[in-house]
Amino acid sequence: MTRPTKITNQVRLHRVAKDLTQEQLASRLGVSRQTLIAIENGKYSPSLEFAFALAKALEVEIGELFSYPV
């Protein structure tokens, strides 16, 4: 069983604000829709490189997408 990550994200919020489907965003990033679903649901934390690519695709700062509770 996969343990959820402690990192939280606002990917879905920003994706919807840009009027993008999961399929459209996944295609832009070169990943599967399932990968994007896992990230949005907090079941998978992307690599730092992918997190920056995701922020760039959504035209936001990385800190607006991801946070880690202290």
PDB file of N, CA and C in Angstrom:
ATOM      1  N   MET A   1       0.843  -1.182   0.000  1.00  0.00           N
ATOM      2  CA  MET A   1       0.000   0.000   0.000  1.00  0.00           C
ATOM      3  C   MET A   1       0.886   1.242   0.000  1.00  0.00           C
ATOM      4  N   THR A   2       0.558   2.196  -0.845  1.00  0.00           N
ATOM      5  CA  THR A   2       1.318   3.431  -0.950  1.00  0.00           C
ATOM      6  C   THR A   2       0.906   4.390   0.163  1.00  0.00           C
ATOM      7  N   ARG A   3       1.910   4.928   0.845  1.00  0.00           N
ATOM      8  CA  ARG A   3       1.638   5.883   1.909  1.00  0.00           C
ATOM      9  C   ARG A   3       1.544   7.281   1.312  1.00  0.00           C
ATOM     10  N   PRO A   4       0.481   8.026   1.646  1.00  0.00           N
ATOM     11  CA  PRO A   4       0.361   9.392   1.120  1.00  0.00           C
ATOM     12  C   PRO A   4       1.525  10.270   1.579  1.00  0.00           C
ATOM     13  N   THR A   5       1.856  11.234   0.769  1.00  0.00           N
ATOM     14  CA  THR A   5       2.938  12.147   1.080  1.00  0.00           C
ATOM     15  C   THR A   5       2.457  13.231   2.039  1.00  0.00           C
ATOM     16  N   LYS A   6       3.382  13.852   2.760  1.00  0.00           N
ATOM     17  CA  LYS A   6       3.036  14.964   3.646  1.00  0.00           C
ATOM     18  C   LYS A   6       2.981  16.280   2.879  1.00  0.00           C
ATOM     19  N   ILE A   7       3.525  16.274   1.681  1.00  0.00           N
ATOM     20  CA  ILE A   7       3.507  17.484   0.857  1.00  0.00           C
ATOM     21  C   ILE A   7       2.086  17.696   0.348  1.00  0.00           C
ATOM     22  N   THR A   8       1.576  18.908   0.532  1.00  0.00           N
ATOM     23  CA  THR A   8       0.252  19.228   0.014  1.00  0.00           C
ATOM     24  C   THR A   8       0.410  20.048  -1.256  1.00  0.00           C
ATOM     25  N   ASN A   9      -0.630  20.052  -2.066  1.00  0.00           N
ATOM     26  CA  ASN A   9      -0.531  20.806  -3.311  1.00  0.00           C
ATOM     27  C   ASN A   9      -1.853  21.448  -3.686  1.00  0.00           C
ATOM     28  N   GLN A  10      -1.739  22.432  -4.542  1.00  0.00           N
ATOM     29  CA  GLN A  10      -2.882  23.172  -5.078  1.00  0.00           C
ATOM     30  C   GLN A  10      -2.940  23.035  -6.594  1.00  0.00           C
ATOM     31  N   VAL A  11      -2.449  21.907  -7.095  1.00  0.00           N
ATOM     32  CA  VAL A  11      -2.384  21.695  -8.541  1.00  0.00           C
ATOM     33  C   VAL A  11      -3.773  21.745  -9.163  1.00  0.00           C
ATOM     34  N   ARG A  12      -4.720  21.025  -8.590  1.00  0.00           N
ATOM     35  CA  ARG A  12      -6.076  20.992  -9.161  1.00  0.00           C
ATOM     36  C   ARG A  12      -6.669  22.402  -9.222  1.00  0.00           C
ATOM     37  N   LEU A  13      -6.526  23.166  -8.155  1.00  0.00           N
ATOM     38  CA  LEU A  13      -7.054  24.527  -8.104  1.00  0.00           C
ATOM     39  C   LEU A  13      -6.505  25.384  -9.247  1.00  0.00           C
ATOM     40  N   HIS A  14      -5.195  25.339  -9.453  1.00  0.00           N
ATOM     41  CA  HIS A  14      -4.579  26.148 -10.508  1.00  0.00           C
ATOM     42  C   HIS A  14      -4.877  25.594 -11.901  1.00  0.00           C
ATOM     43  N   ARG A  15      -4.988  24.278 -12.019  1.00  0.00           N
ATOM     44  CA  ARG A  15      -5.320  23.675 -13.315  1.00  0.00           C
ATOM     45  C   ARG A  15      -6.719  24.100 -13.753  1.00  0.00           C
ATOM     46  N   VAL A  16      -7.670  24.026 -12.828  1.00  0.00           N
ATOM     47  CA  VAL A  16      -9.047  24.407 -13.135  1.00  0.00           C
ATOM     48  C   VAL A  16      -9.122  25.904 -13.440  1.00  0.00           C
ATOM     49  N   ALA A  17      -8.360  26.714 -12.704  1.00  0.00           N
ATOM     50  CA  ALA A  17      -8.351  28.163 -12.948  1.00  0.00           C
ATOM     51  C   ALA A  17      -7.848  28.482 -14.358  1.00  0.00           C
ATOM     52  N   LYS A  18      -6.977  27.638 -14.893  1.00  0.00           N
ATOM     53  CA  LYS A  18      -6.464  27.818 -16.256  1.00  0.00           C
ATOM     54  C   LYS A  18      -7.354  27.129 -17.290  1.00  0.00           C
ATOM     55  N   ASP A  19      -8.466  26.550 -16.830  1.00  0.00           N
ATOM     56  CA  ASP A  19      -9.423  25.865 -17.696  1.00  0.00           C
ATOM     57  C   ASP A  19      -8.765  24.732 -18.483  1.00  0.00           C
ATOM     58  N   LEU A  20      -7.947  23.950 -17.779  1.00  0.00           N
ATOM     59  CA  LEU A  20      -7.277  22.805 -18.389  1.00  0.00           C
ATOM     60  C   LEU A  20      -7.834  21.508 -17.810  1.00  0.00           C
ATOM     61  N   THR A  21      -7.991  20.509 -18.655  1.00  0.00           N
ATOM     62  CA  THR A  21      -8.348  19.183 -18.165  1.00  0.00           C
ATOM     63  C   THR A  21      -7.075  18.489 -17.694  1.00  0.00           C
ATOM     64  N   GLN A  22      -7.239  17.416 -16.950  1.00  0.00           N
ATOM     65  CA  GLN A  22      -6.077  16.633 -16.535  1.00  0.00           C
ATOM     66  C   GLN A  22      -5.342  16.114 -17.769  1.00  0.00           C
ATOM     67  N   GLU A  23      -6.083  15.684 -18.755  1.00  0.00           N
ATOM     68  CA  GLU A  23      -5.486  15.158 -19.982  1.00  0.00           C
ATOM     69  C   GLU A  23      -4.660  16.224 -20.701  1.00  0.00           C
ATOM     70  N   GLN A  24      -5.184  17.433 -20.797  1.00  0.00           N
ATOM     71  CA  GLN A  24      -4.462  18.514 -21.474  1.00  0.00           C
ATOM     72  C   GLN A  24      -3.160  18.850 -20.754  1.00  0.00           C
ATOM     73  N   LEU A  25      -3.228  18.986 -19.434  1.00  0.00           N
ATOM     74  CA  LEU A  25      -2.026  19.326 -18.673  1.00  0.00           C
ATOM     75  C   LEU A  25      -1.012  18.190 -18.719  1.00  0.00           C
ATOM     76  N   ALA A  26      -1.478  16.969 -18.573  1.00  0.00           N
ATOM     77  CA  ALA A  26      -0.582  15.810 -18.638  1.00  0.00           C
ATOM     78  C   ALA A  26       0.126  15.753 -19.991  1.00  0.00           C
ATOM     79  N   SER A  27      -0.609  16.016 -21.057  1.00  0.00           N
ATOM     80  CA  SER A  27      -0.034  16.011 -22.401  1.00  0.00           C
ATOM     81  C   SER A  27       1.046  17.078 -22.544  1.00  0.00           C
ATOM     82  N   ARG A  28       0.790  18.269 -22.028  1.00  0.00           N
ATOM     83  CA  ARG A  28       1.789  19.349 -22.083  1.00  0.00           C
ATOM     84  C   ARG A  28       3.075  18.971 -21.356  1.00  0.00           C
ATOM     85  N   LEU A  29       2.919  18.191 -20.285  1.00  0.00           N
ATOM     86  CA  LEU A  29       4.067  17.841 -19.449  1.00  0.00           C
ATOM     87  C   LEU A  29       4.715  16.519 -19.848  1.00  0.00           C
ATOM     88  N   GLY A  30       4.081  15.792 -20.748  1.00  0.00           N
ATOM     89  CA  GLY A  30       4.645  14.519 -21.204  1.00  0.00           C
ATOM     90  C   GLY A  30       4.518  13.394 -20.197  1.00  0.00           C
ATOM     91  N   VAL A  31       3.435  13.431 -19.404  1.00  0.00           N
ATOM     92  CA  VAL A  31       3.179  12.365 -18.435  1.00  0.00           C
ATOM     93  C   VAL A  31       1.783  11.820 -18.668  1.00  0.00           C
ATOM     94  N   SER A  32       1.474  10.739 -17.982  1.00  0.00           N
ATOM     95  CA  SER A  32       0.134  10.167 -18.113  1.00  0.00           C
ATOM     96  C   SER A  32      -0.850  10.929 -17.237  1.00  0.00           C
ATOM     97  N   ARG A  33      -2.099  10.824 -17.577  1.00  0.00           N
ATOM     98  CA  ARG A  33      -3.163  11.431 -16.773  1.00  0.00           C
ATOM     99  C   ARG A  33      -3.162  10.818 -15.378  1.00  0.00           C
ATOM    100  N   GLN A  34      -2.843   9.525 -15.283  1.00  0.00           N
ATOM    101  CA  GLN A  34      -2.809   8.848 -13.992  1.00  0.00           C
ATOM    102  C   GLN A  34      -1.751   9.456 -13.070  1.00  0.00           C
ATOM    103  N   THR A  35      -0.628   9.878 -13.635  1.00  0.00           N
ATOM    104  CA  THR A  35       0.413  10.531 -12.837  1.00  0.00           C
ATOM    105  C   THR A  35      -0.114  11.832 -12.264  1.00  0.00           C
ATOM    106  N   LEU A  36      -0.774  12.601 -13.081  1.00  0.00           N
ATOM    107  CA  LEU A  36      -1.333  13.876 -12.630  1.00  0.00           C
ATOM    108  C   LEU A  36      -2.408  13.649 -11.562  1.00  0.00           C
ATOM    109  N   ILE A  37      -3.231  12.637 -11.739  1.00  0.00           N
ATOM    110  CA  ILE A  37      -4.254  12.306 -10.744  1.00  0.00           C
ATOM    111  C   ILE A  37      -3.593  11.980  -9.407  1.00  0.00           C
ATOM    112  N   ALA A  38      -2.547  11.176  -9.427  1.00  0.00           N
ATOM    113  CA  ALA A  38      -1.850  10.796  -8.193  1.00  0.00           C
ATOM    114  C   ALA A  38      -1.251  12.015  -7.498  1.00  0.00           C
ATOM    115  N   ILE A  39      -0.699  12.949  -8.261  1.00  0.00           N
ATOM    116  CA  ILE A  39      -0.145  14.174  -7.677  1.00  0.00           C
ATOM    117  C   ILE A  39      -1.259  15.005  -7.060  1.00  0.00           C
ATOM    118  N   GLU A  40      -2.333  15.235  -7.813  1.00  0.00           N
ATOM    119  CA  GLU A  40      -3.447  16.042  -7.312  1.00  0.00           C
ATOM    120  C   GLU A  40      -4.070  15.441  -6.057  1.00  0.00           C
ATOM    121  N   ASN A  41      -4.099  14.132  -5.960  1.00  0.00           N
ATOM    122  CA  ASN A  41      -4.690  13.458  -4.809  1.00  0.00           C
ATOM    123  C   ASN A  41      -3.714  13.277  -3.652  1.00  0.00           C
ATOM    124  N   GLY A  42      -2.484  13.756  -3.797  1.00  0.00           N
ATOM    125  CA  GLY A  42      -1.506  13.657  -2.723  1.00  0.00           C
ATOM    126  C   GLY A  42      -0.962  12.265  -2.498  1.00  0.00           C
ATOM    127  N   LYS A  43      -1.079  11.401  -3.499  1.00  0.00           N
ATOM    128  CA  LYS A  43      -0.570  10.040  -3.382  1.00  0.00           C
ATOM    129  C   LYS A  43       0.843   9.912  -3.932  1.00  0.00           C
ATOM    130  N   TYR A  44       1.313  10.954  -4.582  1.00  0.00           N
ATOM    131  CA  TYR A  44       2.636  10.938  -5.217  1.00  0.00           C
ATOM    132  C   TYR A  44       3.215  12.343  -5.187  1.00  0.00           C
ATOM    133  N   SER A  45       4.468  12.439  -4.789  1.00  0.00           N
ATOM    134  CA  SER A  45       5.170  13.726  -4.827  1.00  0.00           C
ATOM    135  C   SER A  45       6.092  13.720  -6.042  1.00  0.00           C
ATOM    136  N   PRO A  46       5.964  14.712  -6.900  1.00  0.00           N
ATOM    137  CA  PRO A  46       6.814  14.747  -8.093  1.00  0.00           C
ATOM    138  C   PRO A  46       8.247  15.097  -7.739  1.00  0.00           C
ATOM    139  N   SER A  47       9.144  14.796  -8.643  1.00  0.00           N
ATOM    140  CA  SER A  47      10.533  15.210  -8.473  1.00  0.00           C
ATOM    141  C   SER A  47      10.583  16.730  -8.475  1.00  0.00           C
ATOM    142  N   LEU A  48      11.654  17.269  -7.980  1.00  0.00           N
ATOM    143  CA  LEU A  48      11.804  18.719  -7.948  1.00  0.00           C
ATOM    144  C   LEU A  48      11.772  19.290  -9.364  1.00  0.00           C
ATOM    145  N   GLU A  49      12.437  18.634 -10.282  1.00  0.00           N
ATOM    146  CA  GLU A  49      12.455  19.081 -11.671  1.00  0.00           C
ATOM    147  C   GLU A  49      11.043  19.103 -12.264  1.00  0.00           C
ATOM    148  N   PHE A  50      10.263  18.045 -12.004  1.00  0.00           N
ATOM    149  CA  PHE A  50       8.902  17.999 -12.532  1.00  0.00           C
ATOM    150  C   PHE A  50       8.017  19.034 -11.847  1.00  0.00           C
ATOM    151  N   ALA A  51       8.226  19.262 -10.562  1.00  0.00           N
ATOM    152  CA  ALA A  51       7.446  20.266  -9.835  1.00  0.00           C
ATOM    153  C   ALA A  51       7.652  21.651 -10.452  1.00  0.00           C
ATOM    154  N   PHE A  52       8.895  21.967 -10.820  1.00  0.00           N
ATOM    155  CA  PHE A  52       9.155  23.245 -11.484  1.00  0.00           C
ATOM    156  C   PHE A  52       8.492  23.298 -12.859  1.00  0.00           C
ATOM    157  N   ALA A  53       8.522  22.202 -13.590  1.00  0.00           N
ATOM    158  CA  ALA A  53       7.874  22.153 -14.903  1.00  0.00           C
ATOM    159  C   ALA A  53       6.361  22.333 -14.766  1.00  0.00           C
ATOM    160  N   LEU A  54       5.799  21.749 -13.745  1.00  0.00           N
ATOM    161  CA  LEU A  54       4.367  21.876 -13.479  1.00  0.00           C
ATOM    162  C   LEU A  54       4.014  23.329 -13.147  1.00  0.00           C
ATOM    163  N   ALA A  55       4.817  23.951 -12.311  1.00  0.00           N
ATOM    164  CA  ALA A  55       4.587  25.356 -11.961  1.00  0.00           C
ATOM    165  C   ALA A  55       4.682  26.242 -13.203  1.00  0.00           C
ATOM    166  N   LYS A  56       5.663  25.971 -14.040  1.00  0.00           N
ATOM    167  CA  LYS A  56       5.831  26.756 -15.266  1.00  0.00           C
ATOM    168  C   LYS A  56       4.629  26.576 -16.193  1.00  0.00           C
ATOM    169  N   ALA A  57       4.159  25.339 -16.336  1.00  0.00           N
ATOM    170  CA  ALA A  57       3.014  25.064 -17.208  1.00  0.00           C
ATOM    171  C   ALA A  57       1.753  25.767 -16.709  1.00  0.00           C
ATOM    172  N   LEU A  58       1.642  25.915 -15.384  1.00  0.00           N
ATOM    173  CA  LEU A  58       0.474  26.575 -14.805  1.00  0.00           C
ATOM    174  C   LEU A  58       0.696  28.070 -14.562  1.00  0.00           C
ATOM    175  N   GLU A  59       1.889  28.526 -14.921  1.00  0.00           N
ATOM    176  CA  GLU A  59       2.252  29.946 -14.801  1.00  0.00           C
ATOM    177  C   GLU A  59       2.111  30.474 -13.379  1.00  0.00           C
ATOM    178  N   VAL A  60       2.623  29.682 -12.414  1.00  0.00           N
ATOM    179  CA  VAL A  60       2.637  30.089 -11.011  1.00  0.00           C
ATOM    180  C   VAL A  60       4.003  29.755 -10.417  1.00  0.00           C
ATOM    181  N   GLU A  61       4.281  30.327  -9.264  1.00  0.00           N
ATOM    182  CA  GLU A  61       5.506  29.993  -8.545  1.00  0.00           C
ATOM    183  C   GLU A  61       5.337  28.626  -7.887  1.00  0.00           C
ATOM    184  N   ILE A  62       6.425  27.903  -7.738  1.00  0.00           N
ATOM    185  CA  ILE A  62       6.368  26.562  -7.173  1.00  0.00           C
ATOM    186  C   ILE A  62       5.782  26.571  -5.756  1.00  0.00           C
ATOM    187  N   GLY A  63       6.047  27.641  -5.012  1.00  0.00           N
ATOM    188  CA  GLY A  63       5.520  27.760  -3.660  1.00  0.00           C
ATOM    189  C   GLY A  63       4.017  27.925  -3.619  1.00  0.00           C
ATOM    190  N   GLU A  64       3.412  28.337  -4.715  1.00  0.00           N
ATOM    191  CA  GLU A  64       1.962  28.443  -4.802  1.00  0.00           C
ATOM    192  C   GLU A  64       1.324  27.071  -5.035  1.00  0.00           C
ATOM    193  N   LEU A  65       2.119  26.132  -5.552  1.00  0.00           N
ATOM    194  CA  LEU A  65       1.595  24.791  -5.836  1.00  0.00           C
ATOM    195  C   LEU A  65       1.815  23.806  -4.708  1.00  0.00           C
ATOM    196  N   PHE A  66       2.993  23.853  -4.089  1.00  0.00           N
ATOM    197  CA  PHE A  66       3.357  22.837  -3.108  1.00  0.00           C
ATOM    198  C   PHE A  66       3.742  23.460  -1.776  1.00  0.00           C
ATOM    199  N   SER A  67       3.373  22.758  -0.699  1.00  0.00           N
ATOM    200  CA  SER A  67       3.800  23.189   0.624  1.00  0.00           C
ATOM    201  C   SER A  67       4.050  21.953   1.484  1.00  0.00           C
ATOM    202  N   TYR A  68       4.881  22.143   2.506  1.00  0.00           N
ATOM    203  CA  TYR A  68       5.241  21.069   3.413  1.00  0.00           C
ATOM    204  C   TYR A  68       4.982  21.549   4.831  1.00  0.00           C
ATOM    205  N   PRO A  69       4.144  20.840   5.591  1.00  0.00           N
ATOM    206  CA  PRO A  69       3.843  21.298   6.948  1.00  0.00           C
ATOM    207  C   PRO A  69       5.070  21.247   7.846  1.00  0.00           C
ATOM    208  N   VAL A  70       5.215  22.270   8.632  1.00  0.00           N
ATOM    209  CA  VAL A  70       6.379  22.360   9.531  1.00  0.00           C
ATOM    210  C   VAL A  70       6.043  21.730  10.861  1.00  0.00           C
TER     211      VAL A  70
END
